[in-house]
N, C-alpha and C. Protein backbone atom coordinates (compact mmCIF):
# COMPACT_ATOMS: atom_id res chain seq x y z
N UNK A 1 6.76 -9.31 94.33
CA UNK A 1 8.22 -9.44 94.30
C UNK A 1 8.96 -10.24 94.12
N UNK A 2 9.72 -10.31 93.19
CA UNK A 2 10.18 -11.88 92.29
C UNK A 2 10.96 -13.06 93.06
N UNK A 3 10.83 -13.92 93.14
CA UNK A 3 11.65 -15.16 93.93
C UNK A 3 12.85 -15.31 93.69
N UNK A 4 13.51 -16.11 94.47
CA UNK A 4 14.87 -16.41 94.06
C UNK A 4 14.76 -17.23 92.63
N UNK A 5 13.77 -18.00 93.06
CA UNK A 5 13.42 -19.01 91.43
C UNK A 5 13.48 -18.24 90.51
N UNK A 6 12.27 -17.06 90.28
CA UNK A 6 12.44 -16.95 89.33
C UNK A 6 13.58 -15.75 88.41
N UNK A 7 14.49 -15.16 89.51
CA UNK A 7 16.02 -14.64 89.26
C UNK A 7 16.57 -15.56 88.71
N UNK A 8 16.25 -17.01 89.10
CA UNK A 8 17.64 -17.73 88.66
C UNK A 8 16.82 -18.13 87.13
N UNK A 9 15.40 -18.29 87.08
CA UNK A 9 15.28 -19.17 85.93
C UNK A 9 15.74 -17.24 84.83
N UNK A 10 15.48 -16.59 85.34
CA UNK A 10 15.62 -15.22 84.40
C UNK A 10 16.68 -15.34 84.06
N UNK A 11 17.78 -15.32 84.60
CA UNK A 11 19.54 -15.85 84.46
C UNK A 11 19.55 -16.77 83.57
N UNK A 12 19.00 -17.92 84.32
CA UNK A 12 19.21 -18.74 82.83
C UNK A 12 18.83 -18.93 81.79
N UNK A 13 17.65 -18.60 81.34
CA UNK A 13 17.07 -17.79 80.26
C UNK A 13 17.87 -16.71 79.01
N UNK A 14 18.54 -16.29 80.18
CA UNK A 14 19.36 -14.83 79.54
C UNK A 14 20.80 -15.00 79.30
N UNK A 15 20.92 -15.98 79.86
CA UNK A 15 22.38 -16.67 79.49
C UNK A 15 22.63 -17.90 78.83
N UNK A 16 21.02 -18.57 78.10
CA UNK A 16 21.12 -19.43 76.83
C UNK A 16 21.09 -18.25 76.11
N UNK A 17 20.28 -17.30 76.08
CA UNK A 17 20.41 -16.79 75.15
C UNK A 17 21.33 -16.06 74.52
N UNK A 18 22.21 -15.75 75.20
CA UNK A 18 23.95 -15.46 74.73
C UNK A 18 24.78 -15.97 74.27
N UNK A 19 24.31 -17.57 75.12
CA UNK A 19 25.28 -18.17 74.73
C UNK A 19 25.31 -19.51 73.30
N UNK A 20 23.62 -19.81 72.98
CA UNK A 20 23.08 -20.35 72.45
C UNK A 20 23.51 -18.78 70.92
N UNK A 21 22.92 -18.05 71.36
CA UNK A 21 23.11 -17.03 70.12
C UNK A 21 24.53 -17.02 69.01
N UNK A 22 25.48 -16.45 70.27
CA UNK A 22 27.10 -16.39 69.44
C UNK A 22 27.20 -18.12 69.86
N UNK A 23 26.89 -19.13 69.96
CA UNK A 23 27.19 -20.46 68.80
C UNK A 23 26.86 -20.63 67.76
N UNK A 24 25.36 -20.57 67.06
CA UNK A 24 24.86 -20.08 66.53
C UNK A 24 25.76 -19.04 65.23
N UNK A 25 26.13 -17.89 65.95
CA UNK A 25 26.87 -17.50 64.39
C UNK A 25 28.49 -17.75 64.27
N UNK A 26 28.80 -18.71 65.13
CA UNK A 26 30.00 -19.48 64.80
C UNK A 26 30.16 -20.67 63.54
N UNK A 27 28.53 -20.97 63.17
CA UNK A 27 28.42 -21.98 61.99
C UNK A 27 28.19 -20.87 60.75
N UNK A 28 28.12 -19.22 60.78
CA UNK A 28 28.27 -18.73 59.41
C UNK A 28 29.67 -18.22 59.58
N UNK A 29 30.47 -18.08 60.91
CA UNK A 29 31.79 -17.53 61.08
C UNK A 29 32.62 -18.59 59.89
N UNK A 30 32.46 -19.99 60.45
CA UNK A 30 33.10 -21.04 60.49
C UNK A 30 33.12 -21.21 58.66
N UNK A 31 31.89 -21.11 58.01
CA UNK A 31 32.30 -21.41 56.38
C UNK A 31 32.45 -20.61 55.70
N UNK A 32 32.62 -19.06 56.67
CA UNK A 32 32.95 -17.35 55.83
C UNK A 32 34.62 -18.16 56.05
N UNK A 33 34.47 -18.84 57.28
CA UNK A 33 36.59 -19.07 57.18
C UNK A 33 37.11 -19.83 55.98
N UNK A 34 35.93 -21.24 56.29
CA UNK A 34 36.69 -22.19 55.11
C UNK A 34 36.37 -21.79 53.55
N UNK A 35 35.75 -20.38 53.06
CA UNK A 35 35.80 -20.42 51.85
C UNK A 35 36.53 -19.02 51.66
N UNK A 36 37.04 -18.49 52.52
CA UNK A 36 37.96 -17.30 52.70
C UNK A 36 38.98 -17.59 52.96
N UNK A 37 40.24 -18.59 52.42
CA UNK A 37 41.62 -18.68 52.64
C UNK A 37 42.21 -17.56 53.31
N UNK A 38 42.44 -16.42 52.57
CA UNK A 38 43.20 -15.05 52.98
C UNK A 38 42.68 -15.14 54.19
N UNK A 39 41.20 -14.90 54.77
CA UNK A 39 41.47 -14.43 56.31
C UNK A 39 41.11 -15.53 56.59
N UNK A 40 40.35 -16.69 56.64
CA UNK A 40 40.35 -17.79 57.29
C UNK A 40 41.02 -17.88 59.02
N UNK A 41 42.78 -17.62 58.94
CA UNK A 41 42.80 -17.56 60.37
C UNK A 41 42.07 -16.22 61.32
N UNK A 42 42.40 -15.16 61.20
CA UNK A 42 41.83 -14.42 61.55
C UNK A 42 40.43 -14.72 62.13
N UNK A 43 39.29 -15.02 60.95
CA UNK A 43 38.17 -15.65 61.10
C UNK A 43 38.16 -16.90 62.34
N UNK A 44 38.63 -17.73 62.31
CA UNK A 44 38.94 -18.59 63.27
C UNK A 44 39.23 -17.84 64.41
N UNK A 45 40.39 -17.27 64.63
CA UNK A 45 40.69 -16.40 65.58
C UNK A 45 39.59 -15.81 66.81
N UNK A 46 38.49 -15.19 65.81
CA UNK A 46 37.20 -14.49 66.18
C UNK A 46 36.36 -15.59 66.99
N UNK A 47 36.40 -16.45 66.24
CA UNK A 47 35.24 -17.63 66.59
C UNK A 47 35.58 -18.02 67.91
N UNK A 48 36.85 -18.19 67.89
CA UNK A 48 37.61 -18.90 68.98
C UNK A 48 37.29 -17.75 70.62
N UNK A 49 37.71 -16.30 70.23
CA UNK A 49 37.48 -15.28 71.24
C UNK A 49 36.40 -15.24 71.51
N UNK A 50 35.20 -15.13 70.58
CA UNK A 50 34.07 -15.23 70.92
C UNK A 50 33.08 -16.60 72.14
N UNK A 51 33.67 -17.34 71.36
CA UNK A 51 33.71 -18.84 72.22
C UNK A 51 34.37 -18.49 73.57
N UNK A 52 35.44 -18.68 73.73
CA UNK A 52 35.84 -18.40 75.46
C UNK A 52 35.22 -17.28 76.36
N UNK A 53 35.01 -16.16 75.56
CA UNK A 53 34.93 -14.82 76.77
C UNK A 53 33.43 -14.27 76.12
N UNK A 54 32.92 -14.90 76.11
CA UNK A 54 31.17 -14.90 75.45
C UNK A 54 30.11 -16.43 75.84
N UNK A 55 30.35 -17.28 75.60
CA UNK A 55 30.06 -18.35 75.28
C UNK A 55 30.46 -19.28 75.59
N UNK A 56 30.98 -19.67 76.39
CA UNK A 56 31.30 -20.77 77.62
C UNK A 56 30.98 -20.07 78.73
N UNK A 57 31.20 -18.71 79.25
CA UNK A 57 30.92 -18.71 80.80
C UNK A 57 29.31 -18.34 80.73
N UNK A 58 28.74 -18.20 79.20
CA UNK A 58 27.19 -18.36 79.47
C UNK A 58 26.85 -19.35 79.57
N UNK A 59 27.67 -19.99 78.95
CA UNK A 59 27.03 -21.63 79.20
C UNK A 59 26.95 -22.40 80.56
N UNK A 60 27.72 -21.87 81.47
CA UNK A 60 28.71 -22.28 82.69
C UNK A 60 27.30 -21.41 83.77
N UNK A 61 27.06 -20.49 83.54
CA UNK A 61 25.65 -19.75 84.32
C UNK A 61 24.46 -20.66 83.52
N UNK A 62 24.04 -21.14 82.56
CA UNK A 62 23.33 -21.68 82.12
C UNK A 62 23.02 -22.99 83.01
N UNK A 63 24.47 -23.64 83.25
CA UNK A 63 24.67 -25.25 84.27
C UNK A 63 24.13 -25.03 85.49
N UNK A 64 24.66 -24.00 86.09
CA UNK A 64 24.47 -23.13 87.68
C UNK A 64 22.94 -23.18 87.89
N UNK A 65 22.82 -22.28 86.88
CA UNK A 65 21.39 -22.13 87.33
C UNK A 65 20.08 -23.34 86.83
N UNK A 66 20.81 -24.03 86.19
CA UNK A 66 19.33 -24.68 85.65
C UNK A 66 19.55 -25.61 86.17
N UNK A 67 20.94 -26.33 86.79
CA UNK A 67 20.95 -27.52 87.70
C UNK A 67 20.07 -26.60 89.21
N UNK A 68 20.30 -25.59 89.69
CA UNK A 68 19.69 -25.38 90.69
C UNK A 68 18.17 -25.32 90.76
N UNK A 69 17.72 -24.88 89.85
CA UNK A 69 16.55 -24.79 89.67
C UNK A 69 15.73 -26.05 89.94
N UNK A 70 16.74 -26.99 88.85
CA UNK A 70 16.23 -29.10 88.66
C UNK A 70 16.08 -29.05 90.17
N UNK A 71 16.96 -28.72 91.15
CA UNK A 71 16.75 -29.51 92.15
C UNK A 71 15.77 -28.93 93.12
N UNK A 72 15.37 -27.48 93.08
CA UNK A 72 14.86 -26.73 93.75
C UNK A 72 13.22 -27.52 93.46
N UNK A 73 13.39 -27.11 91.83
CA UNK A 73 11.93 -27.25 91.13
C UNK A 73 10.87 -28.50 91.00
N UNK A 74 11.99 -29.12 89.98
CA UNK A 74 11.47 -30.85 89.25
C UNK A 74 12.13 -31.64 90.09
N UNK A 75 10.75 -32.19 89.85
CA UNK A 75 10.90 -34.32 90.26
C UNK A 75 12.20 -35.25 89.27
N UNK A 76 13.34 -35.60 90.50
CA UNK A 76 14.63 -35.81 90.03
C UNK A 76 14.44 -36.66 89.27
N UNK A 77 13.44 -37.45 88.82
CA UNK A 77 13.12 -38.25 87.80
C UNK A 77 12.33 -38.45 86.78
N UNK A 78 12.09 -36.58 86.04
CA UNK A 78 11.80 -36.25 85.44
C UNK A 78 12.02 -36.45 83.74
N UNK A 79 11.83 -37.02 83.29
CA UNK A 79 12.19 -38.10 82.21
C UNK A 79 12.67 -36.57 80.57
N UNK A 80 12.11 -35.90 80.70
CA UNK A 80 12.98 -34.87 79.56
C UNK A 80 14.39 -33.71 80.58
N UNK A 81 13.70 -33.81 81.81
CA UNK A 81 14.97 -33.26 82.13
C UNK A 81 16.82 -34.64 82.35
N UNK A 82 16.35 -35.46 82.78
CA UNK A 82 17.72 -36.50 82.63
C UNK A 82 18.25 -36.69 81.34
N UNK A 83 17.43 -36.74 80.22
CA UNK A 83 17.89 -36.95 78.90
C UNK A 83 18.52 -35.21 78.48
N UNK A 84 17.75 -34.01 79.18
CA UNK A 84 18.23 -33.05 78.84
C UNK A 84 19.54 -32.81 79.58
N UNK A 85 19.98 -33.44 80.76
CA UNK A 85 21.18 -33.58 81.54
C UNK A 85 22.67 -34.62 81.19
N UNK A 86 21.86 -35.38 80.25
CA UNK A 86 22.62 -36.45 79.94
C UNK A 86 23.75 -35.98 78.03
N UNK A 87 22.20 -34.96 77.47
CA UNK A 87 22.62 -34.28 76.14
C UNK A 87 24.02 -32.83 76.43
N UNK A 88 23.40 -32.32 77.75
CA UNK A 88 24.82 -31.52 78.47
C UNK A 88 25.76 -31.86 78.39
N UNK A 89 26.01 -32.82 79.10
CA UNK A 89 27.31 -33.65 79.68
C UNK A 89 27.70 -33.72 78.30
N UNK A 90 27.17 -34.73 77.32
CA UNK A 90 27.56 -34.82 76.34
C UNK A 90 28.22 -34.11 75.49
N UNK A 91 27.42 -32.43 75.14
CA UNK A 91 27.73 -31.04 75.15
C UNK A 91 29.11 -30.51 75.59
N UNK A 92 28.78 -30.90 76.59
CA UNK A 92 30.38 -30.14 77.34
C UNK A 92 31.68 -31.09 77.13
N UNK A 93 31.89 -32.55 76.94
CA UNK A 93 32.52 -33.11 76.16
C UNK A 93 33.24 -32.94 75.10
N UNK A 94 31.63 -32.65 74.03
CA UNK A 94 32.12 -32.30 72.69
C UNK A 94 32.80 -30.54 72.59
N UNK A 95 32.43 -29.50 73.64
CA UNK A 95 33.03 -28.47 73.36
C UNK A 95 34.44 -28.84 74.40
N UNK A 96 34.57 -29.12 75.34
CA UNK A 96 35.96 -28.99 75.90
C UNK A 96 36.17 -29.88 74.65
N UNK A 97 36.32 -30.92 73.83
CA UNK A 97 37.11 -31.41 73.22
C UNK A 97 37.70 -30.47 71.86
N UNK A 98 36.64 -29.71 71.69
CA UNK A 98 36.38 -29.57 70.39
C UNK A 98 37.50 -27.39 70.40
N UNK A 99 38.03 -27.22 71.71
CA UNK A 99 39.20 -26.19 71.86
C UNK A 99 40.24 -26.68 70.99
N UNK A 100 40.91 -27.79 71.67
CA UNK A 100 42.25 -28.31 71.53
C UNK A 100 42.71 -27.74 69.49
N UNK A 101 41.25 -28.77 69.15
CA UNK A 101 41.00 -28.86 67.62
C UNK A 101 41.42 -27.61 66.75
N UNK A 102 40.34 -26.66 67.53
CA UNK A 102 40.26 -25.15 67.05
C UNK A 102 41.55 -24.27 66.93
N UNK A 103 42.15 -24.49 67.81
CA UNK A 103 43.86 -23.95 68.26
C UNK A 103 44.58 -24.40 67.15
N UNK A 104 44.10 -25.96 66.71
CA UNK A 104 45.10 -26.73 65.59
C UNK A 104 44.71 -25.80 64.19
N UNK A 105 43.35 -26.07 63.94
CA UNK A 105 43.29 -25.60 62.93
C UNK A 105 43.26 -23.67 62.96
N UNK A 106 43.65 -23.05 63.62
CA UNK A 106 43.87 -21.61 63.47
C UNK A 106 45.06 -21.67 63.21
N UNK A 107 46.44 -22.55 64.05
CA UNK A 107 47.71 -22.97 63.26
C UNK A 107 48.03 -23.03 61.82
N UNK A 108 46.87 -24.09 61.56
CA UNK A 108 46.78 -24.52 60.24
C UNK A 108 46.64 -23.45 59.21
N UNK A 109 45.55 -23.08 59.63
CA UNK A 109 45.09 -21.92 58.63
C UNK A 109 45.90 -21.09 58.34
N UNK A 110 46.92 -20.18 59.42
CA UNK A 110 47.54 -19.30 59.48
C UNK A 110 49.11 -19.55 58.24
N UNK A 111 49.22 -21.29 59.10
CA UNK A 111 50.74 -21.24 58.29
C UNK A 111 50.94 -22.52 57.04
N UNK A 112 49.48 -22.77 56.52
CA UNK A 112 49.57 -23.44 55.73
C UNK A 112 48.71 -22.90 54.34
N UNK A 113 49.32 -23.48 53.15
CA UNK A 113 48.69 -22.88 52.08
C UNK A 113 47.14 -23.77 51.79
N UNK A 114 46.06 -22.41 51.76
CA UNK A 114 44.73 -22.82 51.35
C UNK A 114 43.94 -24.28 50.55
N UNK A 115 45.04 -24.20 49.51
CA UNK A 115 44.82 -25.92 48.97
C UNK A 115 45.23 -26.80 49.91
N UNK A 116 45.95 -26.59 51.13
CA UNK A 116 46.35 -27.65 52.51
C UNK A 116 45.33 -28.90 52.64
N UNK A 117 46.04 -29.97 52.45
CA UNK A 117 44.68 -31.29 52.34
C UNK A 117 44.24 -31.43 54.04
N UNK A 118 45.62 -31.38 54.87
CA UNK A 118 45.09 -31.24 55.91
C UNK A 118 44.56 -30.13 56.91
N UNK A 119 44.38 -29.37 56.24
CA UNK A 119 44.14 -28.34 56.36
C UNK A 119 42.24 -28.59 56.43
N UNK A 120 42.11 -28.69 54.68
CA UNK A 120 40.60 -29.18 53.77
C UNK A 120 40.34 -29.98 55.23
N UNK A 121 40.72 -31.50 55.69
CA UNK A 121 40.17 -32.33 56.27
C UNK A 121 39.77 -31.92 57.22
N UNK A 122 40.37 -31.64 58.32
CA UNK A 122 40.21 -30.51 59.72
C UNK A 122 39.40 -29.68 59.56
N UNK A 123 38.94 -28.63 58.67
CA UNK A 123 37.85 -27.58 58.62
C UNK A 123 36.61 -28.59 58.18
N UNK A 124 36.74 -29.74 57.72
CA UNK A 124 35.50 -30.22 57.43
C UNK A 124 35.04 -30.98 58.27
N UNK A 125 35.88 -31.25 58.96
CA UNK A 125 35.86 -32.41 60.74
C UNK A 125 35.10 -31.58 61.49
N UNK A 126 35.62 -30.40 61.73
CA UNK A 126 35.08 -29.17 62.21
C UNK A 126 34.14 -28.85 62.58
N UNK A 127 33.51 -28.29 60.83
CA UNK A 127 32.14 -27.82 60.85
C UNK A 127 31.15 -28.68 60.83
N UNK A 128 31.53 -30.17 60.41
CA UNK A 128 30.35 -30.97 60.62
C UNK A 128 30.20 -31.66 62.75
N UNK A 129 31.12 -30.96 62.63
CA UNK A 129 31.62 -31.40 64.20
C UNK A 129 30.80 -29.81 64.99
N UNK A 130 30.72 -28.85 64.75
CA UNK A 130 29.89 -27.46 64.98
C UNK A 130 28.59 -27.91 64.37
N UNK A 131 28.10 -27.92 63.83
CA UNK A 131 26.91 -28.14 63.74
C UNK A 131 26.33 -29.24 64.26
N UNK A 132 26.83 -30.22 64.90
CA UNK A 132 26.52 -31.32 65.55
C UNK A 132 26.17 -30.81 66.91
N UNK A 133 27.12 -30.13 67.26
CA UNK A 133 27.17 -29.74 68.58
C UNK A 133 25.46 -28.35 68.70
N UNK A 134 25.62 -27.83 67.62
CA UNK A 134 24.29 -26.52 67.62
C UNK A 134 23.07 -27.63 67.34
N UNK A 135 23.02 -28.73 66.82
CA UNK A 135 21.90 -29.70 66.65
C UNK A 135 21.73 -29.90 68.18
N UNK A 136 22.64 -30.49 68.80
CA UNK A 136 21.96 -31.01 70.47
C UNK A 136 21.45 -29.93 70.88
N UNK A 137 22.46 -29.01 70.77
CA UNK A 137 21.74 -27.34 71.97
C UNK A 137 20.34 -26.97 70.98
N UNK A 138 19.93 -27.71 69.92
CA UNK A 138 18.50 -27.24 69.45
C UNK A 138 17.78 -28.00 70.05
N UNK A 139 17.98 -29.43 70.55
CA UNK A 139 17.58 -30.34 71.03
C UNK A 139 16.89 -30.35 72.56
N UNK A 140 18.00 -29.73 73.07
CA UNK A 140 17.83 -29.48 74.56
C UNK A 140 17.02 -28.19 74.76
N UNK A 141 17.18 -27.37 73.60
CA UNK A 141 16.37 -26.19 74.21
C UNK A 141 14.82 -26.58 74.37
N UNK A 142 14.51 -27.24 72.78
CA UNK A 142 12.86 -28.17 72.56
C UNK A 142 12.77 -28.86 74.35
N UNK A 143 13.47 -29.56 74.37
CA UNK A 143 12.97 -30.33 76.15
C UNK A 143 13.19 -29.81 77.04
N UNK A 144 13.63 -28.49 77.26
CA UNK A 144 13.52 -27.22 78.01
C UNK A 144 12.40 -26.29 77.96
N UNK A 145 11.68 -26.35 76.70
CA UNK A 145 10.58 -25.34 76.39
C UNK A 145 9.63 -26.06 76.90
N UNK A 146 9.61 -27.14 75.83
CA UNK A 146 8.08 -28.40 75.74
C UNK A 146 8.57 -29.27 76.95
N UNK A 147 8.98 -29.55 78.17
CA UNK A 147 8.99 -30.57 78.77
C UNK A 147 8.30 -32.02 78.37
N UNK A 148 8.49 -32.37 77.35
CA UNK A 148 8.07 -33.67 77.38
C UNK A 148 8.49 -35.37 78.40
N UNK A 149 7.41 -35.47 78.21
CA UNK A 149 7.29 -36.90 79.40
C UNK A 149 7.39 -38.20 78.40
N UNK A 150 9.17 -38.44 78.36
CA UNK A 150 9.58 -39.71 77.38
C UNK A 150 9.04 -40.48 77.73
N UNK A 151 9.00 -40.78 78.60
CA UNK A 151 8.63 -42.16 79.57
C UNK A 151 7.81 -42.35 80.98
């Protein structure tokens, strides 16, 4: 019979798969949007919907289950947990900050000409930002899977 801990772990891993999988696809969608001025606004709206309706709720479940398991099973001073939590807080701030810029990007894409400099500048900045978010998630996944003792 499954214990509550293993149910939490299953929910944690499942929600990470959903959240991370949808976030990985965002990079490809964003690159497609950058290269397709005609459909750019629609592609970006789709990315925002996927993020709001799939990735964000899955990340919330991941955080709740992960924190519960950490408090239940792991020592509070485990270095890999501390670094993961710090990176998760950074990721949360980055993600929350990304939302308003995404709306601005969608508005610019819908109303501006394809070669509009503010649009292109914002597109480049947000693409780099999204890659940074994804790399941070990869680091957190590494820490969670391998649990290295960093100090």
